[in-house]
Amino acid sequence: MDDELRIEAYRFEGIVQPFPNHFHEYYVIGFIEDGQRVLSCHNQEYTISKGDIVLFNPGDNHACVQNDDGTFDYQ
């Protein structure tokens, strides 16, 4: 997390559990390295998969669940 730029960065490998509805106080930028999930944000559903980039604004409520038999790698 960078307090000056107000950006959060995460790295997850081998994730299978869902992420419940939540939000961040900072911008979040992520790159999907592997896996496929259904992401819900602003009452819309999106399929995110390898090669996609996600950006969440501060306060954006979002959640996601795995929708394939693999794991999820996110950076």
Protein backbone atom coordinates (compact mmCIF):
# COMPACT_ATOMS: atom_id res chain seq x y z
CA MET A 1 0.00 0.00 0.00
CA ASP A 2 1.25 3.44 -0.86
CA ASP A 3 -0.31 6.14 1.34
CA GLU A 4 0.99 8.97 -0.84
CA LEU A 5 -0.34 7.58 -4.14
CA ARG A 6 -3.36 5.92 -2.44
CA ILE A 7 -2.77 2.63 -4.30
CA GLU A 8 -2.94 -0.94 -2.98
CA ALA A 9 -1.23 -3.88 -4.72
CA TYR A 10 -1.74 -7.55 -3.89
CA ARG A 11 -0.32 -10.90 -4.95
CA PHE A 12 -2.34 -14.11 -4.60
CA GLU A 13 -1.34 -17.56 -5.84
CA GLY A 14 -3.42 -20.74 -5.87
CA ILE A 15 -6.56 -19.11 -4.49
CA VAL A 16 -9.80 -21.13 -4.64
CA GLN A 17 -11.93 -19.52 -1.93
CA PRO A 18 -14.41 -16.76 -2.85
CA PHE A 19 -13.79 -13.15 -1.89
CA PRO A 20 -16.92 -11.81 -0.15
CA ASN A 21 -18.33 -8.39 -0.91
CA HIS A 22 -15.86 -5.76 0.32
CA PHE A 23 -14.18 -2.49 -0.64
CA HIS A 24 -10.82 -0.76 -0.26
CA GLU A 25 -10.04 2.77 0.84
CA TYR A 26 -7.43 3.10 -1.93
CA TYR A 27 -7.24 2.36 -5.65
CA VAL A 28 -6.53 -1.30 -6.39
CA ILE A 29 -4.84 -2.40 -9.62
CA GLY A 30 -4.47 -6.08 -10.47
CA PHE A 31 -3.36 -8.38 -13.25
CA ILE A 32 -4.94 -11.84 -13.63
CA GLU A 33 -2.09 -14.30 -14.18
CA ASP A 34 -4.16 -17.50 -14.23
CA GLY A 35 -7.65 -18.82 -13.51
CA GLN A 36 -11.10 -17.49 -14.17
CA ARG A 37 -13.56 -15.83 -11.82
CA VAL A 38 -16.92 -14.12 -11.88
CA LEU A 39 -16.48 -10.62 -10.47
CA SER A 40 -19.41 -8.51 -9.31
CA CYS A 41 -19.03 -4.76 -9.02
CA HIS A 42 -21.67 -1.99 -9.18
CA ASN A 43 -24.46 -4.58 -9.64
CA GLN A 44 -22.78 -5.94 -12.79
CA GLU A 45 -21.12 -9.32 -13.30
CA TYR A 46 -17.95 -9.78 -15.32
CA THR A 47 -15.91 -12.85 -16.18
CA ILE A 48 -12.25 -12.12 -15.52
CA SER A 49 -9.50 -14.44 -16.72
CA LYS A 50 -5.82 -14.75 -17.59
CA GLY A 51 -4.46 -11.55 -19.11
CA ASP A 52 -7.16 -9.22 -17.75
CA ILE A 53 -6.41 -6.14 -15.67
CA VAL A 54 -8.78 -4.87 -12.99
CA LEU A 55 -8.98 -1.43 -11.41
CA PHE A 56 -11.13 -0.59 -8.41
CA ASN A 57 -11.75 2.95 -7.26
CA PRO A 58 -11.75 3.69 -3.53
CA GLY A 59 -15.07 2.53 -2.08
CA ASP A 60 -16.05 0.26 -5.01
CA ASN A 61 -17.89 -2.72 -3.47
CA HIS A 62 -16.85 -5.92 -5.22
CA ALA A 63 -16.78 -9.70 -4.77
CA CYS A 64 -15.65 -12.69 -6.85
CA VAL A 65 -15.91 -16.48 -7.02
CA GLN A 66 -14.01 -19.10 -8.99
CA ASN A 67 -15.91 -20.36 -12.04
CA ASP A 68 -13.51 -22.99 -13.34
CA ASP A 69 -11.81 -26.03 -11.82
CA GLY A 70 -8.44 -24.34 -11.42
CA THR A 71 -6.95 -21.86 -9.02
CA PHE A 72 -6.66 -18.11 -9.21
CA ASP A 73 -3.34 -16.23 -9.49
CA TYR A 74 -3.52 -12.47 -9.20
CA GLN A 75 -0.85 -9.82 -9.04
